Amino acid sequence: MKKIKLSLYGLALVGLALCLVQCKNNKKDENKPAEETAQNNETVIDKSDYGTTPNGENVEMYTLTNNNGMEVKIITYGGRITSLTAPDKNGEYQDVVLGFDSLEQYTKDNPYFGALIGRYGNRIAQGKFSLDGEQYSLPQNDGENSLHGGEKGFDKVVWTATPVEGENSLKMSYTSEDMEQGYPGKLETIVTYTLNENNSLDVKYEATTDKKTIVNLTQHSYFNLSGNFSEDILNHKVEINADKFIPVTENLIPTGEIKSVEGSPFDFREPKIVGQNIEAENQQLKRGLGYDHCWVLNEQESGMRFAASAYDPESGRYLEVHTDEPGIQFYTGNFLDGTLPAKGGGTYGKRTGFCLETQHYPDSPNQEGFPSVVLEPGEKYTSNTSFKFSAK
């Protein structure tokens, strides 16, 4: 009997020791940093310091990664995508968006690389529009026009970033005060970036106002699917799901006409090499120095649908854009001129990147026949776009 009692006592001691070790480990898990906890949930959102603006504002970088190895880096200055990796036909992930190596370059004059654009994406003629008989004046930062929200649009402010618990999502928020850059109403804006396991990056825009105003938000990343920023994008094949486009004046303001793409260099209803017609004798191409126009997307009552795609035959990388917006601005980097430093060295030459900016039409507040961009108090502005990457 004595031997049995001792054995049971020994087992009890062993059990107690194991319990103490387990409790200690559990305590360690509670104190793990957020990044490690996120990894256990198969969601990785890393946060790091990115620098300080000339005004002394701290800027952070957030990195979203999925289980395939795709990675998106976003900074709070301008809500900008500074890097986005996508797989080629051999499964190799490379950065496919133009940008810079430092915050200092982003705070200098640049063509909106990777930025969130607001309050109004694209141009407003002479920087003026009216609401209920009252005229509003905006900064004229593109000749006599106002472009992408003015001199200090959403691309030049520091956003507040919050990772969404349990999701591979980053919520960016910014409050634009009444009459900021000339726009009426206090606009509360939220943009959520979500990186999915199918290698799509979703961008969800939301906004509310306390006074009648206009809103047209978009994302201004420049893509080069080759992964080589010294190469132009003229050999990319692009498809745009649009039977019509919007012609512009010499100042790149809509003429008011909506024109068929039939028989013109603007027909991308079937995949076509970008460089095929870009130098054609065409007044619209001359005015844009290439493609810098808004296409009127088909099936506008269908919500989220296919809008455009781009394919680089050499790398095999394929980008599909889906949106619920009525238009898409296809821009071929015509104003890049070799003066801006490229990531990793060199410079960005002419047409080394293209943009597919989902949006309402340019100058809509001054164009009676265009879909409305007016937001009323009590209403909620919403817009959704998805950029999906694959290889073929």
Protein backbone atom coordinates (compact mmCIF):
# COMPACT_ATOMS: atom_id res chain seq x y z
CA MET A 1 0.00 0.00 0.00
CA LYS A 2 2.85 2.41 0.82
CA LYS A 3 4.39 1.95 -2.66
CA ILE A 4 1.07 2.73 -4.38
CA LYS A 5 0.58 5.92 -2.31
CA LEU A 6 4.06 7.18 -3.21
CA SER A 7 3.47 6.55 -6.92
CA LEU A 8 0.21 8.49 -6.85
CA TYR A 9 1.90 11.31 -4.96
CA GLY A 10 4.67 11.39 -7.59
CA LEU A 11 2.16 11.55 -10.41
CA ALA A 12 0.38 14.43 -8.68
CA LEU A 13 3.65 16.36 -8.42
CA VAL A 14 4.37 15.78 -12.13
CA GLY A 15 0.85 16.95 -13.04
CA LEU A 16 1.26 20.07 -10.93
CA ALA A 17 4.56 20.87 -12.62
CA LEU A 18 3.06 20.45 -16.08
CA CYS A 19 0.16 22.73 -15.13
CA LEU A 20 2.54 25.45 -13.94
CA VAL A 21 4.52 25.26 -17.20
CA GLN A 22 1.32 25.49 -19.28
CA CYS A 23 0.05 28.46 -17.28
CA LYS A 24 3.38 30.21 -17.77
CA ASN A 25 3.22 29.60 -21.54
CA ASN A 26 -0.33 30.92 -21.69
CA LYS A 27 0.81 34.09 -19.93
CA LYS A 28 3.57 34.48 -22.54
CA ASP A 29 0.99 34.14 -25.36
CA GLU A 30 -1.09 36.95 -23.84
CA ASN A 31 1.93 39.24 -24.00
CA LYS A 32 2.83 38.41 -27.60
CA PRO A 33 2.99 41.45 -29.92
CA ALA A 34 0.03 42.05 -32.24
CA GLU A 35 2.03 40.99 -35.30
CA GLU A 36 2.66 37.50 -33.91
CA THR A 37 -0.97 37.08 -32.85
CA ALA A 38 -2.04 38.14 -36.33
CA GLN A 39 0.23 35.47 -37.85
CA ASN A 40 -1.53 32.79 -35.78
CA ASN A 41 -4.82 33.96 -37.31
CA GLU A 42 -3.28 33.76 -40.81
CA THR A 43 -3.50 37.56 -41.03
CA VAL A 44 -0.31 39.55 -41.17
CA ILE A 45 -0.40 43.33 -40.89
CA ASP A 46 2.97 44.75 -39.96
CA LYS A 47 3.38 48.36 -38.83
CA SER A 48 6.56 50.43 -38.98
CA ASP A 49 7.66 54.07 -38.93
CA TYR A 50 8.14 55.61 -42.37
CA GLY A 51 9.38 59.08 -41.47
CA THR A 52 8.19 62.59 -40.69
CA THR A 53 6.64 65.16 -43.04
CA PRO A 54 8.13 68.67 -43.38
CA ASN A 55 5.29 69.76 -41.04
CA GLY A 56 6.45 67.32 -38.35
CA GLU A 57 3.68 64.75 -38.83
CA ASN A 58 4.63 61.12 -38.23
CA VAL A 59 3.98 58.75 -41.13
CA GLU A 60 3.52 55.00 -40.71
CA MET A 61 3.80 52.11 -43.14
CA TYR A 62 1.52 49.07 -42.99
CA THR A 63 2.33 45.84 -44.81
CA LEU A 64 -0.45 43.40 -45.73
CA THR A 65 0.59 39.88 -46.75
CA ASN A 66 -1.49 36.87 -47.80
CA ASN A 67 -0.67 33.16 -47.63
CA ASN A 68 0.48 33.12 -51.26
CA GLY A 69 3.26 35.60 -50.55
CA MET A 70 1.59 38.63 -52.15
CA GLU A 71 2.47 41.82 -50.29
CA VAL A 72 1.05 45.35 -50.30
CA LYS A 73 2.71 48.29 -48.53
CA ILE A 74 0.62 51.35 -47.67
CA ILE A 75 1.74 54.58 -46.00
CA THR A 76 -0.48 56.97 -44.08
CA TYR A 77 0.79 59.94 -46.12
CA GLY A 78 -1.82 60.17 -48.88
CA GLY A 79 -3.00 56.60 -48.15
CA ARG A 80 -0.47 55.65 -50.82
CA ILE A 81 0.34 52.16 -52.08
CA THR A 82 4.15 52.26 -52.21
CA SER A 83 4.68 48.63 -53.23
CA LEU A 84 2.52 45.76 -54.50
CA THR A 85 3.92 42.38 -55.48
CA ALA A 86 2.25 40.09 -58.02
CA PRO A 87 3.23 36.66 -59.42
CA ASP A 88 4.57 36.08 -62.93
CA LYS A 89 4.05 32.90 -64.99
CA ASN A 90 6.86 31.21 -63.02
CA GLY A 91 5.30 32.11 -59.68
CA GLU A 92 7.86 34.84 -58.97
CA TYR A 93 6.50 37.82 -57.03
CA GLN A 94 7.76 41.27 -58.03
CA ASP A 95 6.75 44.83 -57.25
CA VAL A 96 4.49 46.15 -60.04
CA VAL A 97 3.64 49.71 -58.93
CA LEU A 98 5.66 52.88 -59.45
CA GLY A 99 6.74 54.83 -56.40
CA PHE A 100 9.69 56.08 -54.39
CA ASP A 101 12.19 54.77 -51.82
CA SER A 102 11.58 57.51 -49.25
CA LEU A 103 8.91 59.76 -47.76
CA GLU A 104 10.92 62.81 -48.79
CA GLN A 105 10.20 62.07 -52.47
CA TYR A 106 6.47 61.57 -51.85
CA THR A 107 6.22 64.98 -50.15
CA LYS A 108 7.77 66.69 -53.18
CA ASP A 109 5.88 67.34 -56.42
CA ASN A 110 5.04 64.02 -58.07
CA PRO A 111 2.28 62.59 -60.29
CA TYR A 112 0.16 61.11 -57.46
CA PHE A 113 2.04 57.78 -57.30
CA GLY A 114 -0.14 55.24 -55.44
CA ALA A 115 -2.30 57.91 -53.78
CA LEU A 116 -5.88 58.15 -52.62
CA ILE A 117 -7.49 61.01 -54.55
CA GLY A 118 -10.13 63.39 -53.20
CA ARG A 119 -12.28 65.22 -52.72
CA TYR A 120 -12.64 65.13 -56.47
CA GLY A 121 -10.68 62.80 -58.72
CA ASN A 122 -9.86 64.25 -62.17
CA ARG A 123 -10.44 67.81 -63.41
CA ILE A 124 -13.00 70.52 -62.67
CA ALA A 125 -13.10 73.27 -65.31
CA GLN A 126 -11.68 76.63 -64.17
CA GLY A 127 -11.82 75.37 -60.57
CA LYS A 128 -15.47 76.36 -60.24
CA PHE A 129 -18.82 74.65 -59.66
CA SER A 130 -22.24 75.61 -58.30
CA LEU A 131 -24.62 73.99 -55.83
CA ASP A 132 -28.12 75.38 -55.31
CA GLY A 133 -27.13 78.62 -57.01
CA GLU A 134 -24.03 79.18 -54.87
CA GLN A 135 -20.68 79.15 -56.67
CA TYR A 136 -17.60 77.57 -55.14
CA SER A 137 -14.00 78.25 -56.16
CA LEU A 138 -11.23 75.65 -55.95
CA PRO A 139 -7.45 75.95 -56.29
CA GLN A 140 -6.41 76.03 -59.96
CA ASN A 141 -3.48 73.60 -59.83
CA ASP A 142 -3.64 72.31 -63.43
CA GLY A 143 -3.49 75.37 -65.63
CA GLU A 144 -6.85 77.07 -65.13
CA ASN A 145 -8.45 73.84 -63.87
CA SER A 146 -8.59 72.16 -60.48
CA LEU A 147 -7.10 68.65 -60.50
CA HIS A 148 -7.44 65.78 -57.99
CA GLY A 149 -8.78 67.86 -55.11
CA GLY A 150 -6.59 70.94 -55.40
CA GLU A 151 -3.19 72.01 -54.14
CA LYS A 152 -3.52 69.87 -51.00
CA GLY A 153 -5.86 67.06 -51.87
CA PHE A 154 -6.25 63.76 -50.04
CA ASP A 155 -2.96 62.61 -51.59
CA LYS A 156 -1.03 65.12 -49.41
CA VAL A 157 -2.65 64.61 -45.99
CA VAL A 158 -1.81 62.10 -43.27
CA TRP A 159 -4.56 59.54 -42.82
CA THR A 160 -5.34 57.58 -39.65
CA ALA A 161 -4.84 53.84 -40.22
CA THR A 162 -6.49 51.05 -38.20
CA PRO A 163 -6.07 47.32 -38.92
CA VAL A 164 -9.46 45.58 -39.01
CA GLU A 165 -9.57 42.88 -36.34
CA GLY A 166 -9.69 39.33 -37.74
CA GLU A 167 -9.37 40.50 -41.35
CA ASN A 168 -6.51 41.27 -43.71
CA SER A 169 -7.83 44.82 -44.02
CA LEU A 170 -6.55 48.30 -43.25
CA LYS A 171 -9.06 51.06 -42.59
CA MET A 172 -7.89 54.58 -43.50
CA SER A 173 -9.82 57.58 -42.21
CA TYR A 174 -9.59 61.31 -42.81
CA THR A 175 -11.83 64.25 -41.91
CA SER A 176 -11.88 67.05 -44.48
CA GLU A 177 -13.16 70.21 -42.81
CA ASP A 178 -15.82 72.49 -44.27
CA MET A 179 -14.36 74.64 -47.11
CA GLU A 180 -11.06 72.75 -47.15
CA GLN A 181 -9.62 73.42 -50.62
CA GLY A 182 -12.86 75.29 -51.34
CA TYR A 183 -15.23 72.31 -50.95
CA PRO A 184 -18.35 72.77 -48.78
CA GLY A 185 -19.22 70.45 -45.93
CA LYS A 186 -17.28 68.55 -43.31
CA LEU A 187 -16.54 65.27 -45.10
CA GLU A 188 -15.82 62.15 -43.03
CA THR A 189 -13.99 59.69 -45.29
CA ILE A 190 -13.08 56.04 -44.78
CA VAL A 191 -11.15 53.95 -47.31
CA THR A 192 -10.59 50.26 -46.56
CA TYR A 193 -7.88 48.22 -48.29
CA THR A 194 -8.36 44.43 -48.16
CA LEU A 195 -5.85 41.87 -49.44
CA ASN A 196 -7.57 38.56 -50.26
CA GLU A 197 -6.29 35.02 -50.71
CA ASN A 198 -7.17 35.09 -54.43
CA ASN A 199 -4.53 37.83 -54.89
CA SER A 200 -7.07 40.62 -55.23
CA LEU A 201 -6.77 43.98 -53.52
CA ASP A 202 -10.17 45.48 -52.75
CA VAL A 203 -10.63 49.21 -52.17
CA LYS A 204 -13.85 50.33 -50.48
CA TYR A 205 -14.64 54.06 -50.23
CA GLU A 206 -17.19 55.58 -47.83
CA ALA A 207 -18.00 59.21 -47.01
CA THR A 208 -20.61 61.33 -45.24
CA THR A 209 -21.09 65.10 -45.10
CA ASP A 210 -22.88 67.65 -42.92
CA LYS A 211 -23.51 70.00 -45.88
CA LYS A 212 -24.36 69.44 -49.54
CA THR A 213 -21.11 68.81 -51.43
CA ILE A 214 -19.51 66.88 -54.30
CA VAL A 215 -17.38 63.72 -53.99
CA ASN A 216 -15.43 61.59 -56.47
CA LEU A 217 -12.78 59.38 -54.86
CA THR A 218 -10.29 57.11 -56.62
CA GLN A 219 -6.95 55.30 -56.33
CA HIS A 220 -4.01 56.51 -58.44
CA SER A 221 -1.52 53.64 -58.63
CA TYR A 222 0.70 53.38 -61.69
CA PHE A 223 1.20 49.78 -62.82
CA ASN A 224 3.99 48.15 -64.79
CA LEU A 225 3.28 44.42 -64.87
CA SER A 226 6.75 43.58 -66.22
CA GLY A 227 8.21 44.36 -62.80
CA ASN A 228 10.95 46.30 -64.62
CA PHE A 229 10.44 50.05 -64.19
CA SER A 230 12.95 50.92 -66.88
CA GLU A 231 10.66 49.37 -69.52
CA ASP A 232 7.65 51.17 -70.98
CA ILE A 233 4.16 49.66 -70.92
CA LEU A 234 3.47 49.90 -74.67
CA ASN A 235 3.57 46.11 -75.13
CA HIS A 236 0.92 45.52 -72.44
CA LYS A 237 -2.43 44.31 -73.76
CA VAL A 238 -5.35 46.29 -72.36
CA GLU A 239 -9.10 45.62 -72.50
CA ILE A 240 -11.73 48.15 -71.42
CA ASN A 241 -15.39 47.17 -71.09
CA ALA A 242 -16.72 50.34 -72.68
CA ASP A 243 -18.50 51.16 -75.94
CA LYS A 244 -18.01 54.90 -75.41
CA PHE A 245 -15.47 57.40 -74.11
CA ILE A 246 -15.44 61.10 -73.20
CA PRO A 247 -13.64 63.45 -75.63
CA VAL A 248 -11.80 66.42 -74.11
CA THR A 249 -10.82 69.97 -75.03
CA GLU A 250 -7.22 71.19 -75.32
CA ASN A 251 -7.33 71.74 -71.54
CA LEU A 252 -8.42 68.10 -71.01
CA ILE A 253 -11.92 69.14 -69.91
CA PRO A 254 -14.86 67.11 -71.31
CA THR A 255 -16.50 68.65 -74.35
CA GLY A 256 -19.85 67.35 -73.07
CA GLU A 257 -20.03 64.74 -75.82
CA ILE A 258 -20.05 61.00 -75.16
CA LYS A 259 -18.59 59.32 -78.21
CA SER A 260 -18.54 55.78 -79.57
CA VAL A 261 -15.13 54.04 -79.59
CA GLU A 262 -16.09 52.28 -82.82
CA GLY A 263 -13.38 52.60 -85.47
CA SER A 264 -11.17 54.78 -83.26
CA PRO A 265 -7.87 54.32 -81.34
CA PHE A 266 -10.05 54.31 -78.20
CA ASP A 267 -11.61 50.92 -78.98
CA PHE A 268 -10.29 48.49 -76.34
CA ARG A 269 -13.35 46.23 -76.30
CA GLU A 270 -11.03 43.43 -77.33
CA PRO A 271 -7.54 43.17 -75.76
CA LYS A 272 -5.18 45.42 -77.70
CA ILE A 273 -1.51 46.34 -77.36
CA VAL A 274 -1.29 49.82 -75.82
CA GLY A 275 1.27 50.99 -78.37
CA GLN A 276 -0.78 49.86 -81.38
CA ASN A 277 -2.57 53.18 -81.93
CA ILE A 278 -1.10 55.52 -79.31
CA GLU A 279 0.85 57.53 -81.91
CA ALA A 280 -1.99 57.60 -84.45
CA GLU A 281 -3.03 60.84 -86.13
CA ASN A 282 -5.89 61.64 -83.81
CA GLN A 283 -6.85 64.95 -82.24
CA GLN A 284 -7.84 63.38 -78.91
CA LEU A 285 -4.54 61.50 -78.62
CA LYS A 286 -2.64 64.71 -79.37
CA ARG A 287 -4.53 66.56 -76.64
CA GLY A 288 -3.78 63.87 -74.07
CA LEU A 289 -0.24 63.23 -75.38
CA GLY A 290 -1.50 59.66 -75.56
CA TYR A 291 -4.32 58.06 -73.57
CA ASP A 292 -5.55 60.24 -70.72
CA HIS A 293 -9.31 59.89 -71.04
CA CYS A 294 -12.34 58.59 -69.19
CA TRP A 295 -14.17 55.60 -70.67
CA VAL A 296 -17.93 55.21 -70.08
CA LEU A 297 -18.19 51.70 -68.68
CA ASN A 298 -20.90 49.32 -69.86
CA GLU A 299 -23.60 47.75 -67.63
CA GLN A 300 -23.70 50.68 -65.23
CA GLU A 301 -26.78 49.37 -63.44
CA SER A 302 -25.11 46.03 -62.65
CA GLY A 303 -23.06 47.06 -59.60
CA MET A 304 -19.66 45.38 -59.38
CA ARG A 305 -18.65 44.13 -62.83
CA PHE A 306 -15.62 43.73 -65.08
CA ALA A 307 -14.22 47.13 -66.08
CA ALA A 308 -10.77 46.57 -67.55
CA SER A 309 -7.75 44.28 -67.72
CA ALA A 310 -4.07 44.51 -68.52
CA TYR A 311 -1.69 41.73 -69.53
CA ASP A 312 2.09 41.69 -69.93
CA PRO A 313 2.90 38.86 -72.40
CA GLU A 314 6.53 38.61 -71.31
CA SER A 315 5.99 38.11 -67.58
CA GLY A 316 2.52 36.59 -67.94
CA ARG A 317 1.14 38.91 -65.26
CA TYR A 318 -2.55 39.68 -65.64
CA LEU A 319 -4.55 42.39 -63.87
CA GLU A 320 -8.35 42.51 -63.78
CA VAL A 321 -10.27 45.54 -62.51
CA HIS A 322 -13.85 45.26 -61.26
CA THR A 323 -15.87 48.25 -60.03
CA ASP A 324 -19.34 49.67 -59.40
CA GLU A 325 -18.26 53.09 -60.76
CA PRO A 326 -19.63 54.44 -64.08
CA GLY A 327 -16.23 55.37 -65.54
CA ILE A 328 -12.54 54.55 -65.67
CA GLN A 329 -9.66 56.87 -66.53
CA PHE A 330 -7.00 55.08 -68.56
CA TYR A 331 -3.75 57.05 -68.39
CA THR A 332 -0.52 55.90 -70.01
CA GLY A 333 2.07 57.91 -68.07
CA ASN A 334 2.51 60.44 -70.89
CA PHE A 335 3.90 63.14 -68.58
CA LEU A 336 6.64 60.96 -67.06
CA ASP A 337 9.86 62.41 -68.46
CA GLY A 338 12.85 60.73 -66.79
CA THR A 339 13.26 63.36 -64.05
CA LEU A 340 11.76 61.36 -61.16
CA PRO A 341 13.91 58.77 -59.33
CA ALA A 342 12.71 55.16 -59.67
CA LYS A 343 12.63 52.62 -56.88
CA GLY A 344 15.92 50.78 -56.72
CA GLY A 345 17.71 53.23 -59.03
CA GLY A 346 17.30 54.90 -62.41
CA THR A 347 14.41 57.16 -63.35
CA TYR A 348 10.82 56.82 -64.59
CA GLY A 349 10.80 57.42 -68.33
CA LYS A 350 7.84 58.26 -70.53
CA ARG A 351 5.03 55.67 -70.36
CA THR A 352 6.74 53.40 -67.84
CA GLY A 353 3.45 53.05 -65.96
CA PHE A 354 -0.30 53.12 -66.61
CA CYS A 355 -3.28 53.98 -64.42
CA LEU A 356 -6.79 52.53 -64.35
CA GLU A 357 -8.67 54.99 -62.12
CA THR A 358 -12.27 53.98 -61.41
CA GLN A 359 -14.42 57.07 -60.93
CA HIS A 360 -17.29 59.31 -61.98
CA TYR A 361 -16.68 61.43 -65.06
CA PRO A 362 -14.39 64.49 -65.09
CA ASP A 363 -16.00 67.90 -64.52
CA SER A 364 -19.35 66.27 -63.65
CA PRO A 365 -20.58 69.22 -61.52
CA ASN A 366 -20.46 71.40 -64.66
CA GLN A 367 -21.79 68.82 -67.13
CA GLU A 368 -25.57 68.50 -67.01
CA GLY A 369 -25.74 65.14 -68.78
CA PHE A 370 -23.20 63.34 -66.57
CA PRO A 371 -24.13 61.17 -63.56
CA SER A 372 -24.40 63.20 -60.36
CA VAL A 373 -21.52 63.49 -57.89
CA VAL A 374 -23.58 65.40 -55.30
CA LEU A 375 -23.63 64.07 -51.73
CA GLU A 376 -26.36 65.28 -49.35
CA PRO A 377 -26.34 65.26 -45.53
CA GLY A 378 -27.85 62.00 -44.31
CA GLU A 379 -26.65 60.13 -47.40
CA LYS A 380 -23.62 57.84 -47.58
CA TYR A 381 -21.19 57.86 -50.49
CA THR A 382 -19.92 54.37 -51.33
CA SER A 383 -17.68 53.08 -54.09
CA ASN A 384 -15.94 49.74 -54.61
CA THR A 385 -13.05 48.62 -56.79
CA SER A 386 -11.09 45.37 -56.92
CA PHE A 387 -7.66 44.83 -58.50
CA LYS A 388 -7.05 41.10 -59.04
CA PHE A 389 -3.64 39.73 -60.04
CA SER A 390 -2.85 36.39 -61.65
CA ALA A 391 -0.61 34.95 -64.36
CA LYS A 392 -1.21 33.17 -67.64
